[in-house]
Amino acid sequence: MLIWGGWPATDGLGIVFEVGEIMYGAPGSREDYSDYFPVDENEVMIRADIKITGETTIRGWGTRLPEIEFLRMERM
């Protein structure tokens, strides 16, 4: 699931990729992924190949997430 959780600067989660119960932080904003999100929705099912960078990204109220980069994405 690709999720736009709001701007991190205002305690949002930013772009998050959720696989099962694991959440990963991805770079960018909702606008960077506008081809994937339906109008007025902030969650979409996708299939993706990712690279885990080994870094940690801090989102929201100090939530630490493993950082990823998307290598390939497609809407389901």
PDB file of N, CA and C in Angstrom:
ATOM      1  N   MET A   1       0.850  -1.159   0.000  1.00  0.00           N
ATOM      2  CA  MET A   1       0.000   0.000   0.000  1.00  0.00           C
ATOM      3  C   MET A   1       0.908   1.238   0.000  1.00  0.00           C
ATOM      4  N   LEU A   2       0.672   2.142  -0.927  1.00  0.00           N
ATOM      5  CA  LEU A   2       1.363   3.429  -0.971  1.00  0.00           C
ATOM      6  C   LEU A   2       0.460   4.434  -0.284  1.00  0.00           C
ATOM      7  N   ILE A   3       0.996   5.144   0.695  1.00  0.00           N
ATOM      8  CA  ILE A   3       0.198   6.040   1.530  1.00  0.00           C
ATOM      9  C   ILE A   3       0.828   7.420   1.552  1.00  0.00           C
ATOM     10  N   TRP A   4      -0.006   8.445   1.364  1.00  0.00           N
ATOM     11  CA  TRP A   4       0.417   9.822   1.609  1.00  0.00           C
ATOM     12  C   TRP A   4      -0.135  10.191   2.973  1.00  0.00           C
ATOM     13  N   GLY A   5       0.761  10.383   3.939  1.00  0.00           N
ATOM     14  CA  GLY A   5       0.365  10.655   5.321  1.00  0.00           C
ATOM     15  C   GLY A   5       0.509  12.101   5.726  1.00  0.00           C
ATOM     16  N   GLY A   6       0.534  13.015   4.775  1.00  0.00           N
ATOM     17  CA  GLY A   6       0.653  14.432   5.106  1.00  0.00           C
ATOM     18  C   GLY A   6       2.101  14.881   5.166  1.00  0.00           C
ATOM     19  N   TRP A   7       2.288  16.177   5.172  1.00  0.00           N
ATOM     20  CA  TRP A   7       3.634  16.759   5.162  1.00  0.00           C
ATOM     21  C   TRP A   7       4.387  16.456   6.455  1.00  0.00           C
ATOM     22  N   PRO A   8       5.593  15.892   6.368  1.00  0.00           N
ATOM     23  CA  PRO A   8       6.388  15.616   7.572  1.00  0.00           C
ATOM     24  C   PRO A   8       6.688  16.868   8.397  1.00  0.00           C
ATOM     25  N   ALA A   9       6.801  18.009   7.739  1.00  0.00           N
ATOM     26  CA  ALA A   9       7.089  19.253   8.461  1.00  0.00           C
ATOM     27  C   ALA A   9       5.946  19.646   9.394  1.00  0.00           C
ATOM     28  N   THR A  10       4.751  19.113   9.156  1.00  0.00           N
ATOM     29  CA  THR A  10       3.608  19.396  10.030  1.00  0.00           C
ATOM     30  C   THR A  10       3.168  18.118  10.746  1.00  0.00           C
ATOM     31  N   ASP A  11       4.131  17.292  11.106  1.00  0.00           N
ATOM     32  CA  ASP A  11       3.925  16.050  11.856  1.00  0.00           C
ATOM     33  C   ASP A  11       3.223  14.956  11.071  1.00  0.00           C
ATOM     34  N   GLY A  12       3.243  15.036   9.742  1.00  0.00           N
ATOM     35  CA  GLY A  12       2.692  13.978   8.916  1.00  0.00           C
ATOM     36  C   GLY A  12       3.748  12.909   8.649  1.00  0.00           C
ATOM     37  N   LEU A  13       3.353  11.864   7.968  1.00  0.00           N
ATOM     38  CA  LEU A  13       4.274  10.761   7.676  1.00  0.00           C
ATOM     39  C   LEU A  13       4.925  10.857   6.306  1.00  0.00           C
ATOM     40  N   GLY A  14       4.447  11.749   5.436  1.00  0.00           N
ATOM     41  CA  GLY A  14       4.990  11.820   4.086  1.00  0.00           C
ATOM     42  C   GLY A  14       4.557  10.603   3.284  1.00  0.00           C
ATOM     43  N   ILE A  15       5.387  10.197   2.323  1.00  0.00           N
ATOM     44  CA  ILE A  15       5.105   9.011   1.520  1.00  0.00           C
ATOM     45  C   ILE A  15       5.588   7.779   2.283  1.00  0.00           C
ATOM     46  N   VAL A  16       4.684   6.845   2.480  1.00  0.00           N
ATOM     47  CA  VAL A  16       4.987   5.621   3.214  1.00  0.00           C
ATOM     48  C   VAL A  16       4.564   4.439   2.346  1.00  0.00           C
ATOM     49  N   PHE A  17       5.405   3.417   2.316  1.00  0.00           N
ATOM     50  CA  PHE A  17       5.096   2.165   1.631  1.00  0.00           C
ATOM     51  C   PHE A  17       4.901   1.118   2.710  1.00  0.00           C
ATOM     52  N   GLU A  18       3.703   0.548   2.775  1.00  0.00           N
ATOM     53  CA  GLU A  18       3.365  -0.418   3.810  1.00  0.00           C
ATOM     54  C   GLU A  18       3.277  -1.811   3.200  1.00  0.00           C
ATOM     55  N   VAL A  19       4.051  -2.733   3.770  1.00  0.00           N
ATOM     56  CA  VAL A  19       4.049  -4.129   3.337  1.00  0.00           C
ATOM     57  C   VAL A  19       3.751  -4.966   4.575  1.00  0.00           C
ATOM     58  N   GLY A  20       2.564  -5.570   4.592  1.00  0.00           N
ATOM     59  CA  GLY A  20       2.165  -6.303   5.795  1.00  0.00           C
ATOM     60  C   GLY A  20       2.083  -5.336   6.959  1.00  0.00           C
ATOM     61  N   GLU A  21       2.848  -5.586   7.991  1.00  0.00           N
ATOM     62  CA  GLU A  21       2.858  -4.703   9.156  1.00  0.00           C
ATOM     63  C   GLU A  21       4.092  -3.812   9.197  1.00  0.00           C
ATOM     64  N   ILE A  22       4.889  -3.812   8.142  1.00  0.00           N
ATOM     65  CA  ILE A  22       6.107  -3.008   8.104  1.00  0.00           C
ATOM     66  C   ILE A  22       5.872  -1.763   7.264  1.00  0.00           C
ATOM     67  N   MET A  23       6.289  -0.613   7.791  1.00  0.00           N
ATOM     68  CA  MET A  23       6.169   0.643   7.064  1.00  0.00           C
ATOM     69  C   MET A  23       7.564   1.145   6.723  1.00  0.00           C
ATOM     70  N   TYR A  24       7.706   1.628   5.487  1.00  0.00           N
ATOM     71  CA  TYR A  24       8.960   2.184   4.998  1.00  0.00           C
ATOM     72  C   TYR A  24       8.717   3.625   4.589  1.00  0.00           C
ATOM     73  N   GLY A  25       9.684   4.486   4.858  1.00  0.00           N
ATOM     74  CA  GLY A  25       9.602   5.872   4.425  1.00  0.00           C
ATOM     75  C   GLY A  25      10.236   6.024   3.052  1.00  0.00           C
ATOM     76  N   ALA A  26       9.536   6.700   2.146  1.00  0.00           N
ATOM     77  CA  ALA A  26      10.037   6.931   0.789  1.00  0.00           C
ATOM     78  C   ALA A  26      10.190   8.435   0.567  1.00  0.00           C
ATOM     79  N   PRO A  27      11.082   8.826  -0.325  1.00  0.00           N
ATOM     80  CA  PRO A  27      11.275  10.248  -0.580  1.00  0.00           C
ATOM     81  C   PRO A  27      10.122  10.841  -1.379  1.00  0.00           C
ATOM     82  N   GLY A  28       9.980  12.155  -1.297  1.00  0.00           N
ATOM     83  CA  GLY A  28       9.020  12.859  -2.125  1.00  0.00           C
ATOM     84  C   GLY A  28       7.718  13.190  -1.421  1.00  0.00           C
ATOM     85  N   SER A  29       6.797  13.747  -2.215  1.00  0.00           N
ATOM     86  CA  SER A  29       5.483  14.135  -1.713  1.00  0.00           C
ATOM     87  C   SER A  29       4.408  13.494  -2.591  1.00  0.00           C
ATOM     88  N   ARG A  30       3.165  13.721  -2.237  1.00  0.00           N
ATOM     89  CA  ARG A  30       2.053  13.146  -2.995  1.00  0.00           C
ATOM     90  C   ARG A  30       2.122  13.549  -4.465  1.00  0.00           C
ATOM     91  N   GLU A  31       2.510  14.780  -4.735  1.00  0.00           N
ATOM     92  CA  GLU A  31       2.598  15.270  -6.104  1.00  0.00           C
ATOM     93  C   GLU A  31       3.612  14.478  -6.934  1.00  0.00           C
ATOM     94  N   ASP A  32       4.670  13.996  -6.305  1.00  0.00           N
ATOM     95  CA  ASP A  32       5.677  13.199  -7.005  1.00  0.00           C
ATOM     96  C   ASP A  32       5.131  11.843  -7.452  1.00  0.00           C
ATOM     97  N   TYR A  33       4.047  11.400  -6.825  1.00  0.00           N
ATOM     98  CA  TYR A  33       3.443  10.104  -7.121  1.00  0.00           C
ATOM     99  C   TYR A  33       2.020  10.267  -7.645  1.00  0.00           C
ATOM    100  N   SER A  34       1.700  11.426  -8.219  1.00  0.00           N
ATOM    101  CA  SER A  34       0.322  11.729  -8.633  1.00  0.00           C
ATOM    102  C   SER A  34      -0.226  10.749  -9.672  1.00  0.00           C
ATOM    103  N   ASP A  35       0.626  10.105 -10.456  1.00  0.00           N
ATOM    104  CA  ASP A  35       0.159   9.115 -11.428  1.00  0.00           C
ATOM    105  C   ASP A  35      -0.395   7.859 -10.752  1.00  0.00           C
ATOM    106  N   TYR A  36      -0.080   7.669  -9.481  1.00  0.00           N
ATOM    107  CA  TYR A  36      -0.495   6.465  -8.772  1.00  0.00           C
ATOM    108  C   TYR A  36      -1.725   6.675  -7.900  1.00  0.00           C
ATOM    109  N   PHE A  37      -1.902   7.892  -7.369  1.00  0.00           N
ATOM    110  CA  PHE A  37      -3.015   8.146  -6.463  1.00  0.00           C
ATOM    111  C   PHE A  37      -4.274   8.540  -7.227  1.00  0.00           C
ATOM    112  N   PRO A  38      -5.415   7.912  -6.907  1.00  0.00           N
ATOM    113  CA  PRO A  38      -6.689   8.376  -7.463  1.00  0.00           C
ATOM    114  C   PRO A  38      -6.988   9.774  -6.913  1.00  0.00           C
ATOM    115  N   VAL A  39      -7.800  10.516  -7.614  1.00  0.00           N
ATOM    116  CA  VAL A  39      -8.169  11.865  -7.169  1.00  0.00           C
ATOM    117  C   VAL A  39      -8.799  11.789  -5.780  1.00  0.00           C
ATOM    118  N   ASP A  40      -8.373  12.664  -4.904  1.00  0.00           N
ATOM    119  CA  ASP A  40      -8.921  12.787  -3.546  1.00  0.00           C
ATOM    120  C   ASP A  40      -8.724  11.546  -2.675  1.00  0.00           C
ATOM    121  N   GLU A  41      -7.765  10.694  -3.000  1.00  0.00           N
ATOM    122  CA  GLU A  41      -7.460   9.549  -2.138  1.00  0.00           C
ATOM    123  C   GLU A  41      -5.984   9.578  -1.784  1.00  0.00           C
ATOM    124  N   ASN A  42      -5.667   9.113  -0.591  1.00  0.00           N
ATOM    125  CA  ASN A  42      -4.290   9.137  -0.116  1.00  0.00           C
ATOM    126  C   ASN A  42      -3.696   7.751   0.101  1.00  0.00           C
ATOM    127  N   GLU A  43      -4.403   6.707  -0.362  1.00  0.00           N
ATOM    128  CA  GLU A  43      -3.896   5.344  -0.273  1.00  0.00           C
ATOM    129  C   GLU A  43      -4.196   4.628  -1.577  1.00  0.00           C
ATOM    130  N   VAL A  44      -3.244   3.817  -2.034  1.00  0.00           N
ATOM    131  CA  VAL A  44      -3.443   3.056  -3.257  1.00  0.00           C
ATOM    132  C   VAL A  44      -2.620   1.770  -3.174  1.00  0.00           C
ATOM    133  N   MET A  45      -3.188   0.693  -3.691  1.00  0.00           N
ATOM    134  CA  MET A  45      -2.460  -0.573  -3.735  1.00  0.00           C
ATOM    135  C   MET A  45      -1.507  -0.539  -4.925  1.00  0.00           C
ATOM    136  N   ILE A  46      -0.240  -0.864  -4.666  1.00  0.00           N
ATOM    137  CA  ILE A  46       0.763  -0.921  -5.729  1.00  0.00           C
ATOM    138  C   ILE A  46       1.588  -2.189  -5.573  1.00  0.00           C
ATOM    139  N   ARG A  47       2.271  -2.514  -6.624  1.00  0.00           N
ATOM    140  CA  ARG A  47       3.292  -3.558  -6.605  1.00  0.00           C
ATOM    141  C   ARG A  47       4.594  -2.823  -6.906  1.00  0.00           C
ATOM    142  N   ALA A  48       5.639  -3.104  -6.137  1.00  0.00           N
ATOM    143  CA  ALA A  48       6.870  -2.338  -6.312  1.00  0.00           C
ATOM    144  C   ALA A  48       8.099  -3.170  -5.991  1.00  0.00           C
ATOM    145  N   ASP A  49       9.176  -2.849  -6.686  1.00  0.00           N
ATOM    146  CA  ASP A  49      10.504  -3.316  -6.314  1.00  0.00           C
ATOM    147  C   ASP A  49      11.151  -2.144  -5.599  1.00  0.00           C
ATOM    148  N   ILE A  50      11.745  -2.426  -4.447  1.00  0.00           N
ATOM    149  CA  ILE A  50      12.345  -1.358  -3.654  1.00  0.00           C
ATOM    150  C   ILE A  50      13.794  -1.680  -3.319  1.00  0.00           C
ATOM    151  N   LYS A  51      14.499  -0.645  -2.945  1.00  0.00           N
ATOM    152  CA  LYS A  51      15.853  -0.789  -2.418  1.00  0.00           C
ATOM    153  C   LYS A  51      15.836  -0.178  -1.026  1.00  0.00           C
ATOM    154  N   ILE A  52      16.202  -0.956  -0.027  1.00  0.00           N
ATOM    155  CA  ILE A  52      16.310  -0.445   1.338  1.00  0.00           C
ATOM    156  C   ILE A  52      17.674   0.223   1.440  1.00  0.00           C
ATOM    157  N   THR A  53      17.690   1.520   1.754  1.00  0.00           N
ATOM    158  CA  THR A  53      18.930   2.300   1.710  1.00  0.00           C
ATOM    159  C   THR A  53      19.861   2.038   2.886  1.00  0.00           C
ATOM    160  N   GLY A  54      19.325   1.494   3.975  1.00  0.00           N
ATOM    161  CA  GLY A  54      20.129   1.310   5.181  1.00  0.00           C
ATOM    162  C   GLY A  54      20.063   2.517   6.109  1.00  0.00           C
ATOM    163  N   GLU A  55      19.402   3.582   5.649  1.00  0.00           N
ATOM    164  CA  GLU A  55      19.223   4.788   6.462  1.00  0.00           C
ATOM    165  C   GLU A  55      17.878   4.714   7.176  1.00  0.00           C
ATOM    166  N   THR A  56      17.691   5.574   8.156  1.00  0.00           N
ATOM    167  CA  THR A  56      16.430   5.710   8.868  1.00  0.00           C
ATOM    168  C   THR A  56      15.892   7.101   8.599  1.00  0.00           C
ATOM    169  N   THR A  57      14.601   7.191   8.346  1.00  0.00           N
ATOM    170  CA  THR A  57      13.966   8.489   8.161  1.00  0.00           C
ATOM    171  C   THR A  57      13.027   8.744   9.336  1.00  0.00           C
ATOM    172  N   ILE A  58      12.968   9.979   9.799  1.00  0.00           N
ATOM    173  CA  ILE A  58      12.127  10.334  10.947  1.00  0.00           C
ATOM    174  C   ILE A  58      10.915  11.086  10.431  1.00  0.00           C
ATOM    175  N   ARG A  59       9.743  10.615  10.800  1.00  0.00           N
ATOM    176  CA  ARG A  59       8.488  11.196  10.328  1.00  0.00           C
ATOM    177  C   ARG A  59       7.555  11.435  11.508  1.00  0.00           C
ATOM    178  N   GLY A  60       6.548  12.271  11.267  1.00  0.00           N
ATOM    179  CA  GLY A  60       5.500  12.493  12.261  1.00  0.00           C
ATOM    180  C   GLY A  60       6.060  12.922  13.597  1.00  0.00           C
ATOM    181  N   TRP A  61       5.589  12.308  14.639  1.00  0.00           N
ATOM    182  CA  TRP A  61       5.990  12.627  15.999  1.00  0.00           C
ATOM    183  C   TRP A  61       7.238  11.836  16.387  1.00  0.00           C
ATOM    184  N   GLY A  62       8.232  11.838  15.516  1.00  0.00           N
ATOM    185  CA  GLY A  62       9.477  11.146  15.804  1.00  0.00           C
ATOM    186  C   GLY A  62       9.479   9.676  15.404  1.00  0.00           C
ATOM    187  N   THR A  63       8.511   9.277  14.597  1.00  0.00           N
ATOM    188  CA  THR A  63       8.441   7.895  14.127  1.00  0.00           C
ATOM    189  C   THR A  63       9.637   7.607  13.222  1.00  0.00           C
ATOM    190  N   ARG A  64      10.392   6.585  13.553  1.00  0.00           N
ATOM    191  CA  ARG A  64      11.554   6.196  12.752  1.00  0.00           C
ATOM    192  C   ARG A  64      11.160   5.057  11.818  1.00  0.00           C
ATOM    193  N   LEU A  65      11.431   5.260  10.523  1.00  0.00           N
ATOM    194  CA  LEU A  65      11.107   4.252   9.521  1.00  0.00           C
ATOM    195  C   LEU A  65      12.342   3.937   8.695  1.00  0.00           C
ATOM    196  N   PRO A  66      12.513   2.680   8.275  1.00  0.00           N
ATOM    197  CA  PRO A  66      13.590   2.366   7.338  1.00  0.00           C
ATOM    198  C   PRO A  66      13.321   3.119   6.034  1.00  0.00           C
ATOM    199  N   GLU A  67      14.359   3.696   5.463  1.00  0.00           N
ATOM    200  CA  GLU A  67      14.206   4.464   4.230  1.00  0.00           C
ATOM    201  C   GLU A  67      14.367   3.564   3.009  1.00  0.00           C
ATOM    202  N   ILE A  68      13.530   3.817   1.985  1.00  0.00           N
ATOM    203  CA  ILE A  68      13.609   3.041   0.749  1.00  0.00           C
ATOM    204  C   ILE A  68      13.679   3.962  -0.453  1.00  0.00           C
ATOM    205  N   GLU A  69      14.056   3.373  -1.577  1.00  0.00           N
ATOM    206  CA  GLU A  69      13.929   4.008  -2.889  1.00  0.00           C
ATOM    207  C   GLU A  69      13.124   3.040  -3.744  1.00  0.00           C
ATOM    208  N   PHE A  70      12.228   3.575  -4.549  1.00  0.00           N
ATOM    209  CA  PHE A  70      11.466   2.741  -5.460  1.00  0.00           C
ATOM    210  C   PHE A  70      12.287   2.499  -6.728  1.00  0.00           C
ATOM    211  N   LEU A  71      12.387   1.243  -7.125  1.00  0.00           N
ATOM    212  CA  LEU A  71      13.071   0.881  -8.375  1.00  0.00           C
ATOM    213  C   LEU A  71      12.066   0.718  -9.507  1.00  0.00           C
ATOM    214  N   ARG A  72      10.890   0.178  -9.160  1.00  0.00           N
ATOM    215  CA  ARG A  72       9.819  -0.037 -10.133  1.00  0.00           C
ATOM    216  C   ARG A  72       8.508  -0.038  -9.366  1.00  0.00           C
ATOM    217  N   MET A  73       7.481   0.605  -9.955  1.00  0.00           N
ATOM    218  CA  MET A  73       6.168   0.648  -9.313  1.00  0.00           C
ATOM    219  C   MET A  73       5.079   0.468 -10.358  1.00  0.00           C
ATOM    220  N   GLU A  74       3.978  -0.177  -9.948  1.00  0.00           N
ATOM    221  CA  GLU A  74       2.799  -0.246 -10.809  1.00  0.00           C
ATOM    222  C   GLU A  74       1.559  -0.333  -9.927  1.00  0.00           C
ATOM    223  N   ARG A  75       0.506   0.352 -10.364  1.00  0.00           N
ATOM    224  CA  ARG A  75      -0.765   0.283  -9.647  1.00  0.00           C
ATOM    225  C   ARG A  75      -1.385  -1.084  -9.868  1.00  0.00           C
ATOM    226  N   MET A  76      -2.080  -1.549  -8.848  1.00  0.00           N
ATOM    227  CA  MET A  76      -2.778  -2.835  -8.950  1.00  0.00           C
ATOM    228  C   MET A  76      -4.253  -2.587  -9.208  1.00  0.00           C
TER     229      MET A  76
END
